[in-house]
Amino acid sequence: MFNKLWNDEVGAILSAEIVLIGTILVIGMVVGLVELQCSIADELNDLGEAIGAMNQSYVVSGQASFKRGKFPKGLTSGSRFSDRIDTCDGNECSIVCVLLPRGERPKGGGYGGGGFGGGGRR
């Protein structure tokens, strides 16, 4: 029975049909991989915007200890850092897969509700 099926050429696929089906499959895979790449780039851009939107300012006050209220035993100075808006903090460095016409910017905002230069932390 297997030999009869093996030698049966009624439903044979021609090589041209195989090439056509293979071409369609390859084109579909390329389109799918491009969309996957764009989705991953968009998600990584969102992650970068979220990290850039965090305010990393801090203040640490100093401490002092005095012996009998007059003489310092130990003294530490404080420290502070004020985080300012940097390049790309307000969705200014958008990673897009679509080329925009010259001079046109992507629409929408990202984190902080602004678009270009708006939003973010102040």
PDB file of N, CA and C in Angstrom:
ATOM      1  N   MET A   1       0.821  -1.191   0.000  1.00  0.00           N
ATOM      2  CA  MET A   1       0.000   0.000   0.000  1.00  0.00           C
ATOM      3  C   MET A   1       0.876   1.271   0.000  1.00  0.00           C
ATOM      4  N   PHE A   2       1.946   1.221   0.788  1.00  0.00           N
ATOM      5  CA  PHE A   2       2.845   2.373   0.828  1.00  0.00           C
ATOM      6  C   PHE A   2       3.532   2.572  -0.516  1.00  0.00           C
ATOM      7  N   ASN A   3       3.908   1.478  -1.176  1.00  0.00           N
ATOM      8  CA  ASN A   3       4.548   1.575  -2.495  1.00  0.00           C
ATOM      9  C   ASN A   3       3.605   2.162  -3.529  1.00  0.00           C
ATOM     10  N   LYS A   4       2.332   1.779  -3.448  1.00  0.00           N
ATOM     11  CA  LYS A   4       1.348   2.322  -4.382  1.00  0.00           C
ATOM     12  C   LYS A   4       1.202   3.831  -4.180  1.00  0.00           C
ATOM     13  N   LEU A   5       1.168   4.273  -2.897  1.00  0.00           N
ATOM     14  CA  LEU A   5       1.070   5.703  -2.592  1.00  0.00           C
ATOM     15  C   LEU A   5       2.348   6.432  -3.033  1.00  0.00           C
ATOM     16  N   TRP A   6       3.480   5.815  -2.811  1.00  0.00           N
ATOM     17  CA  TRP A   6       4.760   6.426  -3.156  1.00  0.00           C
ATOM     18  C   TRP A   6       4.905   6.608  -4.670  1.00  0.00           C
ATOM     19  N   ASN A   7       4.440   5.683  -5.426  1.00  0.00           N
ATOM     20  CA  ASN A   7       4.575   5.744  -6.875  1.00  0.00           C
ATOM     21  C   ASN A   7       3.434   6.498  -7.555  1.00  0.00           C
ATOM     22  N   ASP A   8       2.409   6.873  -6.814  1.00  0.00           N
ATOM     23  CA  ASP A   8       1.268   7.588  -7.378  1.00  0.00           C
ATOM     24  C   ASP A   8       1.670   9.028  -7.683  1.00  0.00           C
ATOM     25  N   GLU A   9       1.517   9.467  -8.908  1.00  0.00           N
ATOM     26  CA  GLU A   9       1.902  10.811  -9.321  1.00  0.00           C
ATOM     27  C   GLU A   9       0.707  11.669  -9.698  1.00  0.00           C
ATOM     28  N   VAL A  10      -0.472  11.289  -9.270  1.00  0.00           N
ATOM     29  CA  VAL A  10      -1.667  12.049  -9.624  1.00  0.00           C
ATOM     30  C   VAL A  10      -1.662  13.419  -8.934  1.00  0.00           C
ATOM     31  N   GLY A  11      -1.258  13.441  -7.685  1.00  0.00           N
ATOM     32  CA  GLY A  11      -1.261  14.714  -6.945  1.00  0.00           C
ATOM     33  C   GLY A  11       0.120  15.293  -6.791  1.00  0.00           C
ATOM     34  N   ALA A  12       0.995  15.077  -7.744  1.00  0.00           N
ATOM     35  CA  ALA A  12       2.374  15.543  -7.646  1.00  0.00           C
ATOM     36  C   ALA A  12       2.436  17.071  -7.686  1.00  0.00           C
ATOM     37  N   ILE A  13       3.337  17.614  -6.918  1.00  0.00           N
ATOM     38  CA  ILE A  13       3.550  19.058  -6.917  1.00  0.00           C
ATOM     39  C   ILE A  13       4.710  19.353  -7.853  1.00  0.00           C
ATOM     40  N   LEU A  14       4.502  20.268  -8.742  1.00  0.00           N
ATOM     41  CA  LEU A  14       5.547  20.639  -9.683  1.00  0.00           C
ATOM     42  C   LEU A  14       6.556  21.550  -8.982  1.00  0.00           C
ATOM     43  N   SER A  15       7.763  21.592  -9.490  1.00  0.00           N
ATOM     44  CA  SER A  15       8.808  22.391  -8.862  1.00  0.00           C
ATOM     45  C   SER A  15       8.464  23.886  -8.901  1.00  0.00           C
ATOM     46  N   ALA A  16       7.756  24.326  -9.937  1.00  0.00           N
ATOM     47  CA  ALA A  16       7.358  25.739 -10.013  1.00  0.00           C
ATOM     48  C   ALA A  16       6.399  26.083  -8.879  1.00  0.00           C
ATOM     49  N   GLU A  17       5.519  25.163  -8.528  1.00  0.00           N
ATOM     50  CA  GLU A  17       4.597  25.403  -7.428  1.00  0.00           C
ATOM     51  C   GLU A  17       5.338  25.465  -6.099  1.00  0.00           C
ATOM     52  N   ILE A  18       6.329  24.618  -5.946  1.00  0.00           N
ATOM     53  CA  ILE A  18       7.133  24.635  -4.714  1.00  0.00           C
ATOM     54  C   ILE A  18       7.888  25.950  -4.592  1.00  0.00           C
ATOM     55  N   VAL A  19       8.447  26.431  -5.698  1.00  0.00           N
ATOM     56  CA  VAL A  19       9.162  27.708  -5.685  1.00  0.00           C
ATOM     57  C   VAL A  19       8.206  28.846  -5.332  1.00  0.00           C
ATOM     58  N   LEU A  20       7.004  28.838  -5.893  1.00  0.00           N
ATOM     59  CA  LEU A  20       6.027  29.881  -5.607  1.00  0.00           C
ATOM     60  C   LEU A  20       5.611  29.863  -4.134  1.00  0.00           C
ATOM     61  N   ILE A  21       5.324  28.681  -3.621  1.00  0.00           N
ATOM     62  CA  ILE A  21       4.932  28.579  -2.208  1.00  0.00           C
ATOM     63  C   ILE A  21       6.095  28.992  -1.303  1.00  0.00           C
ATOM     64  N   GLY A  22       7.307  28.571  -1.642  1.00  0.00           N
ATOM     65  CA  GLY A  22       8.476  28.963  -0.856  1.00  0.00           C
ATOM     66  C   GLY A  22       8.703  30.458  -0.870  1.00  0.00           C
ATOM     67  N   THR A  23       8.520  31.092  -2.027  1.00  0.00           N
ATOM     68  CA  THR A  23       8.685  32.541  -2.128  1.00  0.00           C
ATOM     69  C   THR A  23       7.665  33.273  -1.272  1.00  0.00           C
ATOM     70  N   ILE A  24       6.424  32.831  -1.315  1.00  0.00           N
ATOM     71  CA  ILE A  24       5.381  33.457  -0.507  1.00  0.00           C
ATOM     72  C   ILE A  24       5.695  33.297   0.978  1.00  0.00           C
ATOM     73  N   LEU A  25       6.164  32.121   1.377  1.00  0.00           N
ATOM     74  CA  LEU A  25       6.513  31.902   2.777  1.00  0.00           C
ATOM     75  C   LEU A  25       7.677  32.784   3.218  1.00  0.00           C
ATOM     76  N   VAL A  26       8.699  32.924   2.387  1.00  0.00           N
ATOM     77  CA  VAL A  26       9.853  33.759   2.735  1.00  0.00           C
ATOM     78  C   VAL A  26       9.446  35.224   2.839  1.00  0.00           C
ATOM     79  N   ILE A  27       8.639  35.711   1.908  1.00  0.00           N
ATOM     80  CA  ILE A  27       8.174  37.107   1.972  1.00  0.00           C
ATOM     81  C   ILE A  27       7.363  37.335   3.244  1.00  0.00           C
ATOM     82  N   GLY A  28       6.501  36.380   3.576  1.00  0.00           N
ATOM     83  CA  GLY A  28       5.714  36.496   4.806  1.00  0.00           C
ATOM     84  C   GLY A  28       6.592  36.509   6.047  1.00  0.00           C
ATOM     85  N   MET A  29       7.643  35.692   6.054  1.00  0.00           N
ATOM     86  CA  MET A  29       8.554  35.676   7.200  1.00  0.00           C
ATOM     87  C   MET A  29       9.317  36.981   7.321  1.00  0.00           C
ATOM     88  N   VAL A  30       9.749  37.546   6.201  1.00  0.00           N
ATOM     89  CA  VAL A  30      10.476  38.816   6.238  1.00  0.00           C
ATOM     90  C   VAL A  30       9.582  39.921   6.792  1.00  0.00           C
ATOM     91  N   VAL A  31       8.352  39.986   6.324  1.00  0.00           N
ATOM     92  CA  VAL A  31       7.419  41.001   6.822  1.00  0.00           C
ATOM     93  C   VAL A  31       7.179  40.802   8.319  1.00  0.00           C
ATOM     94  N   GLY A  32       6.999  39.561   8.729  1.00  0.00           N
ATOM     95  CA  GLY A  32       6.786  39.280  10.149  1.00  0.00           C
ATOM     96  C   GLY A  32       7.978  39.657  11.003  1.00  0.00           C
ATOM     97  N   LEU A  33       9.188  39.384  10.522  1.00  0.00           N
ATOM     98  CA  LEU A  33      10.381  39.734  11.285  1.00  0.00           C
ATOM     99  C   LEU A  33      10.590  41.241  11.358  1.00  0.00           C
ATOM    100  N   VAL A  34      10.242  41.957  10.301  1.00  0.00           N
ATOM    101  CA  VAL A  34      10.345  43.420  10.329  1.00  0.00           C
ATOM    102  C   VAL A  34       9.374  43.992  11.365  1.00  0.00           C
ATOM    103  N   GLU A  35       8.162  43.467  11.394  1.00  0.00           N
ATOM    104  CA  GLU A  35       7.192  43.934  12.390  1.00  0.00           C
ATOM    105  C   GLU A  35       7.645  43.592  13.797  1.00  0.00           C
ATOM    106  N   LEU A  36       8.238  42.433  13.976  1.00  0.00           N
ATOM    107  CA  LEU A  36       8.769  42.048  15.281  1.00  0.00           C
ATOM    108  C   LEU A  36       9.879  43.001  15.703  1.00  0.00           C
ATOM    109  N   GLN A  37      10.762  43.339  14.776  1.00  0.00           N
ATOM    110  CA  GLN A  37      11.852  44.271  15.064  1.00  0.00           C
ATOM    111  C   GLN A  37      11.319  45.639  15.447  1.00  0.00           C
ATOM    112  N   CYS A  38      10.301  46.120  14.748  1.00  0.00           N
ATOM    113  CA  CYS A  38       9.718  47.423  15.074  1.00  0.00           C
ATOM    114  C   CYS A  38       9.049  47.395  16.443  1.00  0.00           C
ATOM    115  N   SER A  39       8.372  46.307  16.762  1.00  0.00           N
ATOM    116  CA  SER A  39       7.713  46.200  18.065  1.00  0.00           C
ATOM    117  C   SER A  39       8.731  46.177  19.195  1.00  0.00           C
ATOM    118  N   ILE A  40       9.811  45.439  19.012  1.00  0.00           N
ATOM    119  CA  ILE A  40      10.844  45.382  20.046  1.00  0.00           C
ATOM    120  C   ILE A  40      11.510  46.744  20.205  1.00  0.00           C
ATOM    121  N   ALA A  41      11.796  47.433  19.100  1.00  0.00           N
ATOM    122  CA  ALA A  41      12.405  48.765  19.179  1.00  0.00           C
ATOM    123  C   ALA A  41      11.475  49.746  19.888  1.00  0.00           C
ATOM    124  N   ASP A  42      10.168  49.680  19.619  1.00  0.00           N
ATOM    125  CA  ASP A  42       9.214  50.559  20.293  1.00  0.00           C
ATOM    126  C   ASP A  42       9.166  50.284  21.791  1.00  0.00           C
ATOM    127  N   GLU A  43       9.171  49.019  22.182  1.00  0.00           N
ATOM    128  CA  GLU A  43       9.118  48.679  23.605  1.00  0.00           C
ATOM    129  C   GLU A  43      10.400  49.106  24.313  1.00  0.00           C
ATOM    130  N   LEU A  44      11.549  48.937  23.664  1.00  0.00           N
ATOM    131  CA  LEU A  44      12.798  49.389  24.281  1.00  0.00           C
ATOM    132  C   LEU A  44      12.848  50.905  24.377  1.00  0.00           C
ATOM    133  N   ASN A  45      12.255  51.606  23.397  1.00  0.00           N
ATOM    134  CA  ASN A  45      12.151  53.060  23.467  1.00  0.00           C
ATOM    135  C   ASN A  45      11.282  53.467  24.648  1.00  0.00           C
ATOM    136  N   ASP A  46      10.162  52.770  24.860  1.00  0.00           N
ATOM    137  CA  ASP A  46       9.298  53.059  26.007  1.00  0.00           C
ATOM    138  C   ASP A  46      10.037  52.818  27.319  1.00  0.00           C
ATOM    139  N   LEU A  47      10.815  51.761  27.387  1.00  0.00           N
ATOM    140  CA  LEU A  47      11.587  51.473  28.593  1.00  0.00           C
ATOM    141  C   LEU A  47      12.611  52.577  28.853  1.00  0.00           C
ATOM    142  N   GLY A  48      13.287  53.017  27.805  1.00  0.00           N
ATOM    143  CA  GLY A  48      14.253  54.101  27.952  1.00  0.00           C
ATOM    144  C   GLY A  48      13.595  55.395  28.398  1.00  0.00           C
ATOM    145  N   GLU A  49      12.402  55.674  27.884  1.00  0.00           N
ATOM    146  CA  GLU A  49      11.680  56.876  28.300  1.00  0.00           C
ATOM    147  C   GLU A  49      11.265  56.781  29.767  1.00  0.00           C
ATOM    148  N   ALA A  50      10.857  55.601  30.199  1.00  0.00           N
ATOM    149  CA  ALA A  50      10.459  55.420  31.591  1.00  0.00           C
ATOM    150  C   ALA A  50      11.649  55.616  32.528  1.00  0.00           C
ATOM    151  N   ILE A  51      12.797  55.088  32.142  1.00  0.00           N
ATOM    152  CA  ILE A  51      13.992  55.267  32.968  1.00  0.00           C
ATOM    153  C   ILE A  51      14.415  56.732  32.960  1.00  0.00           C
ATOM    154  N   GLY A  52      14.338  57.387  31.810  1.00  0.00           N
ATOM    155  CA  GLY A  52      14.706  58.791  31.725  1.00  0.00           C
ATOM    156  C   GLY A  52      13.757  59.708  32.469  1.00  0.00           C
ATOM    157  N   ALA A  53      12.516  59.283  32.679  1.00  0.00           N
ATOM    158  CA  ALA A  53      11.532  60.120  33.372  1.00  0.00           C
ATOM    159  C   ALA A  53      11.677  60.054  34.889  1.00  0.00           C
ATOM    160  N   MET A  54      12.472  59.131  35.386  1.00  0.00           N
ATOM    161  CA  MET A  54      12.649  59.042  36.841  1.00  0.00           C
ATOM    162  C   MET A  54      13.468  60.226  37.334  1.00  0.00           C
ATOM    163  N   ASN A  55      13.038  60.789  38.426  1.00  0.00           N
ATOM    164  CA  ASN A  55      13.780  61.872  39.056  1.00  0.00           C
ATOM    165  C   ASN A  55      14.786  61.250  40.010  1.00  0.00           C
ATOM    166  N   GLN A  56      16.062  61.462  39.759  1.00  0.00           N
ATOM    167  CA  GLN A  56      17.103  60.833  40.555  1.00  0.00           C
ATOM    168  C   GLN A  56      17.768  61.818  41.505  1.00  0.00           C
ATOM    169  N   SER A  57      17.077  62.906  41.822  1.00  0.00           N
ATOM    170  CA  SER A  57      17.623  63.875  42.766  1.00  0.00           C
ATOM    171  C   SER A  57      17.634  63.285  44.169  1.00  0.00           C
ATOM    172  N   TYR A  58      18.606  63.710  44.964  1.00  0.00           N
ATOM    173  CA  TYR A  58      18.656  63.266  46.358  1.00  0.00           C
ATOM    174  C   TYR A  58      19.323  64.329  47.214  1.00  0.00           C
ATOM    175  N   VAL A  59      19.050  64.275  48.519  1.00  0.00           N
ATOM    176  CA  VAL A  59      19.678  65.132  49.511  1.00  0.00           C
ATOM    177  C   VAL A  59      19.987  64.266  50.724  1.00  0.00           C
ATOM    178  N   VAL A  60      21.227  64.323  51.197  1.00  0.00           N
ATOM    179  CA  VAL A  60      21.633  63.629  52.416  1.00  0.00           C
ATOM    180  C   VAL A  60      22.155  64.704  53.364  1.00  0.00           C
ATOM    181  N   SER A  61      21.513  64.826  54.513  1.00  0.00           N
ATOM    182  CA  SER A  61      21.950  65.859  55.456  1.00  0.00           C
ATOM    183  C   SER A  61      23.166  65.375  56.237  1.00  0.00           C
ATOM    184  N   GLY A  62      23.986  66.321  56.648  1.00  0.00           N
ATOM    185  CA  GLY A  62      25.172  65.993  57.427  1.00  0.00           C
ATOM    186  C   GLY A  62      24.828  65.774  58.889  1.00  0.00           C
ATOM    187  N   GLN A  63      25.750  65.174  59.633  1.00  0.00           N
ATOM    188  CA  GLN A  63      25.551  64.916  61.052  1.00  0.00           C
ATOM    189  C   GLN A  63      26.779  65.373  61.815  1.00  0.00           C
ATOM    190  N   ALA A  64      26.530  65.740  63.033  1.00  0.00           N
ATOM    191  CA  ALA A  64      27.641  66.171  63.894  1.00  0.00           C
ATOM    192  C   ALA A  64      27.396  65.676  65.311  1.00  0.00           C
ATOM    193  N   SER A  65      28.479  65.386  65.991  1.00  0.00           N
ATOM    194  CA  SER A  65      28.416  64.971  67.390  1.00  0.00           C
ATOM    195  C   SER A  65      29.418  65.831  68.158  1.00  0.00           C
ATOM    196  N   PHE A  66      28.978  66.354  69.298  1.00  0.00           N
ATOM    197  CA  PHE A  66      29.827  67.254  70.073  1.00  0.00           C
ATOM    198  C   PHE A  66      30.110  66.652  71.447  1.00  0.00           C
ATOM    199  N   LYS A  67      31.330  66.902  71.930  1.00  0.00           N
ATOM    200  CA  LYS A  67      31.740  66.441  73.249  1.00  0.00           C
ATOM    201  C   LYS A  67      31.463  67.558  74.244  1.00  0.00           C
ATOM    202  N   ARG A  68      30.623  67.288  75.204  1.00  0.00           N
ATOM    203  CA  ARG A  68      30.227  68.248  76.236  1.00  0.00           C
ATOM    204  C   ARG A  68      29.628  69.515  75.640  1.00  0.00           C
ATOM    205  N   GLY A  69      29.029  69.367  74.439  1.00  0.00           N
ATOM    206  CA  GLY A  69      28.341  70.493  73.832  1.00  0.00           C
ATOM    207  C   GLY A  69      29.232  71.518  73.172  1.00  0.00           C
ATOM    208  N   LYS A  70      30.580  71.373  73.283  1.00  0.00           N
ATOM    209  CA  LYS A  70      31.468  72.399  72.730  1.00  0.00           C
ATOM    210  C   LYS A  70      32.348  71.872  71.597  1.00  0.00           C
ATOM    211  N   PHE A  71      33.029  70.791  71.836  1.00  0.00           N
ATOM    212  CA  PHE A  71      34.052  70.322  70.909  1.00  0.00           C
ATOM    213  C   PHE A  71      33.478  69.230  69.997  1.00  0.00           C
ATOM    214  N   PRO A  72      33.703  69.350  68.703  1.00  0.00           N
ATOM    215  CA  PRO A  72      33.157  68.318  67.801  1.00  0.00           C
ATOM    216  C   PRO A  72      33.927  66.996  67.929  1.00  0.00           C
ATOM    217  N   LYS A  73      33.172  65.918  68.105  1.00  0.00           N
ATOM    218  CA  LYS A  73      33.762  64.575  68.102  1.00  0.00           C
ATOM    219  C   LYS A  73      33.784  64.006  66.691  1.00  0.00           C
ATOM    220  N   GLY A  74      32.702  64.152  66.013  1.00  0.00           N
ATOM    221  CA  GLY A  74      32.597  63.609  64.659  1.00  0.00           C
ATOM    222  C   GLY A  74      31.730  64.521  63.809  1.00  0.00           C
ATOM    223  N   LEU A  75      32.094  64.611  62.581  1.00  0.00           N
ATOM    224  CA  LEU A  75      31.385  65.529  61.694  1.00  0.00           C
ATOM    225  C   LEU A  75      31.348  64.917  60.300  1.00  0.00           C
ATOM    226  N   THR A  76      30.175  64.882  59.703  1.00  0.00           N
ATOM    227  CA  THR A  76      30.059  64.466  58.297  1.00  0.00           C
ATOM    228  C   THR A  76      29.316  65.550  57.543  1.00  0.00           C
ATOM    229  N   SER A  77      29.783  65.831  56.374  1.00  0.00           N
ATOM    230  CA  SER A  77      29.088  66.842  55.577  1.00  0.00           C
ATOM    231  C   SER A  77      27.993  66.164  54.758  1.00  0.00           C
ATOM    232  N   GLY A  78      27.018  66.922  54.410  1.00  0.00           N
ATOM    233  CA  GLY A  78      25.909  66.391  53.611  1.00  0.00           C
ATOM    234  C   GLY A  78      26.253  66.378  52.130  1.00  0.00           C
ATOM    235  N   SER A  79      25.317  65.883  51.370  1.00  0.00           N
ATOM    236  CA  SER A  79      25.504  65.802  49.926  1.00  0.00           C
ATOM    237  C   SER A  79      24.153  65.985  49.254  1.00  0.00           C
ATOM    238  N   ARG A  80      24.184  66.497  48.036  1.00  0.00           N
ATOM    239  CA  ARG A  80      22.947  66.624  47.279  1.00  0.00           C
ATOM    240  C   ARG A  80      23.237  66.575  45.792  1.00  0.00           C
ATOM    241  N   PHE A  81      22.234  66.146  45.078  1.00  0.00           N
ATOM    242  CA  PHE A  81      22.317  66.100  43.618  1.00  0.00           C
ATOM    243  C   PHE A  81      20.956  66.494  43.084  1.00  0.00           C
ATOM    244  N   SER A  82      20.952  67.418  42.156  1.00  0.00           N
ATOM    245  CA  SER A  82      19.699  67.863  41.537  1.00  0.00           C
ATOM    246  C   SER A  82      19.682  67.391  40.097  1.00  0.00           C
ATOM    247  N   ASP A  83      18.738  66.507  39.797  1.00  0.00           N
ATOM    248  CA  ASP A  83      18.635  65.938  38.456  1.00  0.00           C
ATOM    249  C   ASP A  83      17.890  66.906  37.551  1.00  0.00           C
ATOM    250  N   ARG A  84      18.504  67.262  36.450  1.00  0.00           N
ATOM    251  CA  ARG A  84      17.872  68.140  35.469  1.00  0.00           C
ATOM    252  C   ARG A  84      17.490  67.343  34.235  1.00  0.00           C
ATOM    253  N   ILE A  85      16.643  67.901  33.417  1.00  0.00           N
ATOM    254  CA  ILE A  85      16.214  67.225  32.195  1.00  0.00           C
ATOM    255  C   ILE A  85      17.393  67.154  31.226  1.00  0.00           C
ATOM    256  N   ASP A  86      17.648  65.964  30.755  1.00  0.00           N
ATOM    257  CA  ASP A  86      18.732  65.728  29.813  1.00  0.00           C
ATOM    258  C   ASP A  86      18.166  65.545  28.413  1.00  0.00           C
ATOM    259  N   THR A  87      19.060  65.377  27.459  1.00  0.00           N
ATOM    260  CA  THR A  87      18.637  65.050  26.105  1.00  0.00           C
ATOM    261  C   THR A  87      17.916  63.712  26.143  1.00  0.00           C
ATOM    262  N   CYS A  88      16.840  63.614  25.434  1.00  0.00           N
ATOM    263  CA  CYS A  88      16.028  62.393  25.300  1.00  0.00           C
ATOM    264  C   CYS A  88      15.143  62.109  26.509  1.00  0.00           C
ATOM    265  N   ASP A  89      15.080  62.995  27.498  1.00  0.00           N
ATOM    266  CA  ASP A  89      14.192  62.746  28.634  1.00  0.00           C
ATOM    267  C   ASP A  89      12.736  62.990  28.275  1.00  0.00           C
ATOM    268  N   GLY A  90      12.449  63.827  27.321  1.00  0.00           N
ATOM    269  CA  GLY A  90      11.071  64.146  26.981  1.00  0.00           C
ATOM    270  C   GLY A  90      10.635  63.532  25.661  1.00  0.00           C
ATOM    271  N   ASN A  91      11.051  62.325  25.365  1.00  0.00           N
ATOM    272  CA  ASN A  91      10.716  61.631  24.126  1.00  0.00           C
ATOM    273  C   ASN A  91      11.234  62.392  22.910  1.00  0.00           C
ATOM    274  N   GLU A  92      12.409  62.971  23.042  1.00  0.00           N
ATOM    275  CA  GLU A  92      12.993  63.702  21.925  1.00  0.00           C
ATOM    276  C   GLU A  92      13.762  62.773  20.989  1.00  0.00           C
ATOM    277  N   CYS A  93      14.193  61.641  21.493  1.00  0.00           N
ATOM    278  CA  CYS A  93      14.974  60.701  20.689  1.00  0.00           C
ATOM    279  C   CYS A  93      14.136  59.470  20.407  1.00  0.00           C
ATOM    280  N   SER A  94      13.063  59.658  19.713  1.00  0.00           N
ATOM    281  CA  SER A  94      12.147  58.571  19.428  1.00  0.00           C
ATOM    282  C   SER A  94      12.757  57.630  18.403  1.00  0.00           C
ATOM    283  N   ILE A  95      12.693  56.337  18.683  1.00  0.00           N
ATOM    284  CA  ILE A  95      13.183  55.331  17.748  1.00  0.00           C
ATOM    285  C   ILE A  95      11.983  54.864  16.943  1.00  0.00           C
ATOM    286  N   VAL A  96      11.981  55.146  15.659  1.00  0.00           N
ATOM    287  CA  VAL A  96      10.856  54.750  14.818  1.00  0.00           C
ATOM    288  C   VAL A  96      11.356  53.909  13.662  1.00  0.00           C
ATOM    289  N   CYS A  97      10.497  53.031  13.197  1.00  0.00           N
ATOM    290  CA  CYS A  97      10.862  52.181  12.065  1.00  0.00           C
ATOM    291  C   CYS A  97      10.428  52.798  10.741  1.00  0.00           C
ATOM    292  N   VAL A  98       9.607  53.820  10.789  1.00  0.00           N
ATOM    293  CA  VAL A  98       9.089  54.446   9.576  1.00  0.00           C
ATOM    294  C   VAL A  98       9.843  55.747   9.358  1.00  0.00           C
ATOM    295  N   LEU A  99      10.359  55.943   8.161  1.00  0.00           N
ATOM    296  CA  LEU A  99      11.034  57.198   7.857  1.00  0.00           C
ATOM    297  C   LEU A  99       9.991  58.289   7.641  1.00  0.00           C
ATOM    298  N   LEU A 100      10.136  59.366   8.377  1.00  0.00           N
ATOM    299  CA  LEU A 100       9.211  60.490   8.253  1.00  0.00           C
ATOM    300  C   LEU A 100       9.739  61.470   7.220  1.00  0.00           C
ATOM    301  N   PRO A 101       8.846  62.227   6.584  1.00  0.00           N
ATOM    302  CA  PRO A 101       9.313  63.251   5.649  1.00  0.00           C
ATOM    303  C   PRO A 101      10.227  64.244   6.359  1.00  0.00           C
ATOM    304  N   ARG A 102      11.104  64.844   5.607  1.00  0.00           N
ATOM    305  CA  ARG A 102      12.085  65.761   6.165  1.00  0.00           C
ATOM    306  C   ARG A 102      11.400  66.893   6.934  1.00  0.00           C
ATOM    307  N   GLY A 103      11.851  67.119   8.158  1.00  0.00           N
ATOM    308  CA  GLY A 103      11.312  68.200   8.974  1.00  0.00           C
ATOM    309  C   GLY A 103      10.101  67.807   9.805  1.00  0.00           C
ATOM    310  N   GLU A 104       9.525  66.651   9.579  1.00  0.00           N
ATOM    311  CA  GLU A 104       8.340  66.244  10.334  1.00  0.00           C
ATOM    312  C   GLU A 104       8.767  65.433  11.546  1.00  0.00           C
ATOM    313  N   ARG A 105       8.085  65.665  12.677  1.00  0.00           N
ATOM    314  CA  ARG A 105       8.409  64.957  13.907  1.00  0.00           C
ATOM    315  C   ARG A 105       7.310  63.967  14.238  1.00  0.00           C
ATOM    316  N   PRO A 106       7.649  62.901  14.988  1.00  0.00           N
ATOM    317  CA  PRO A 106       6.613  61.960  15.393  1.00  0.00           C
ATOM    318  C   PRO A 106       5.594  62.623  16.298  1.00  0.00           C
ATOM    319  N   LYS A 107       4.357  62.192  16.205  1.00  0.00           N
ATOM    320  CA  LYS A 107       3.303  62.767  17.022  1.00  0.00           C
ATOM    321  C   LYS A 107       3.159  61.961  18.300  1.00  0.00           C
ATOM    322  N   GLY A 108       2.611  62.588  19.316  1.00  0.00           N
ATOM    323  CA  GLY A 108       2.363  61.872  20.559  1.00  0.00           C
ATOM    324  C   GLY A 108       3.459  62.131  21.541  1.00  0.00           C
ATOM    325  N   GLY A 109       3.209  61.647  22.723  1.00  0.00           N
ATOM    326  CA  GLY A 109       4.048  62.118  23.767  1.00  0.00           C
ATOM    327  C   GLY A 109       4.958  61.180  24.472  1.00  0.00           C
ATOM    328  N   GLY A 110       4.674  59.998  24.740  1.00  0.00           N
ATOM    329  CA  GLY A 110       5.551  59.246  25.612  1.00  0.00           C
ATOM    330  C   GLY A 110       5.275  59.621  27.060  1.00  0.00           C
ATOM    331  N   TYR A 111       6.240  59.466  27.917  1.00  0.00           N
ATOM    332  CA  TYR A 111       6.047  59.727  29.341  1.00  0.00           C
ATOM    333  C   TYR A 111       6.144  61.215  29.612  1.00  0.00           C
ATOM    334  N   GLY A 112       5.276  61.722  30.426  1.00  0.00           N
ATOM    335  CA  GLY A 112       5.289  63.122  30.782  1.00  0.00           C
ATOM    336  C   GLY A 112       4.314  63.927  29.965  1.00  0.00           C
ATOM    337  N   GLY A 113       3.614  63.339  29.040  1.00  0.00           N
ATOM    338  CA  GLY A 113       2.536  63.971  28.322  1.00  0.00           C
ATOM    339  C   GLY A 113       2.945  65.036  27.360  1.00  0.00           C
ATOM    340  N   GLY A 114       4.061  65.138  26.908  1.00  0.00           N
ATOM    341  CA  GLY A 114       4.429  66.260  26.113  1.00  0.00           C
ATOM    342  C   GLY A 114       4.784  66.018  24.713  1.00  0.00           C
ATOM    343  N   GLY A 115       5.375  65.329  24.058  1.00  0.00           N
ATOM    344  CA  GLY A 115       5.902  65.452  22.738  1.00  0.00           C
ATOM    345  C   GLY A 115       7.317  65.918  22.882  1.00  0.00           C
ATOM    346  N   PHE A 116       7.694  66.817  22.059  1.00  0.00           N
ATOM    347  CA  PHE A 116       9.086  67.265  22.054  1.00  0.00           C
ATOM    348  C   PHE A 116       9.283  68.378  23.061  1.00  0.00           C
ATOM    349  N   GLY A 117      10.133  68.129  24.040  1.00  0.00           N
ATOM    350  CA  GLY A 117      10.486  69.152  25.009  1.00  0.00           C
ATOM    351  C   GLY A 117       9.434  69.349  26.083  1.00  0.00           C
ATOM    352  N   GLY A 118       8.261  68.779  25.952  1.00  0.00           N
ATOM    353  CA  GLY A 118       7.233  68.973  26.970  1.00  0.00           C
ATOM    354  C   GLY A 118       7.190  67.794  27.885  1.00  0.00           C
ATOM    355  N   GLY A 119       6.750  67.992  29.060  1.00  0.00           N
ATOM    356  CA  GLY A 119       6.569  66.878  29.978  1.00  0.00           C
ATOM    357  C   GLY A 119       7.875  66.486  30.612  1.00  0.00           C
ATOM    358  N   GLY A 120       7.897  65.312  31.144  1.00  0.00           N
ATOM    359  CA  GLY A 120       9.056  64.901  31.898  1.00  0.00           C
ATOM    360  C   GLY A 120       9.018  65.538  33.271  1.00  0.00           C
ATOM    361  N   ARG A 121      10.097  65.501  33.982  1.00  0.00           N
ATOM    362  CA  ARG A 121      10.119  66.116  35.314  1.00  0.00           C
ATOM    363  C   ARG A 121      10.703  67.518  35.222  1.00  0.00           C
ATOM    364  N   ARG A 122      10.338  68.330  36.117  1.00  0.00           N
ATOM    365  CA  ARG A 122      10.845  69.711  36.148  1.00  0.00           C
ATOM    366  C   ARG A 122      11.548  69.962  37.455  1.00  0.00           C
TER     367      ARG A 122
END
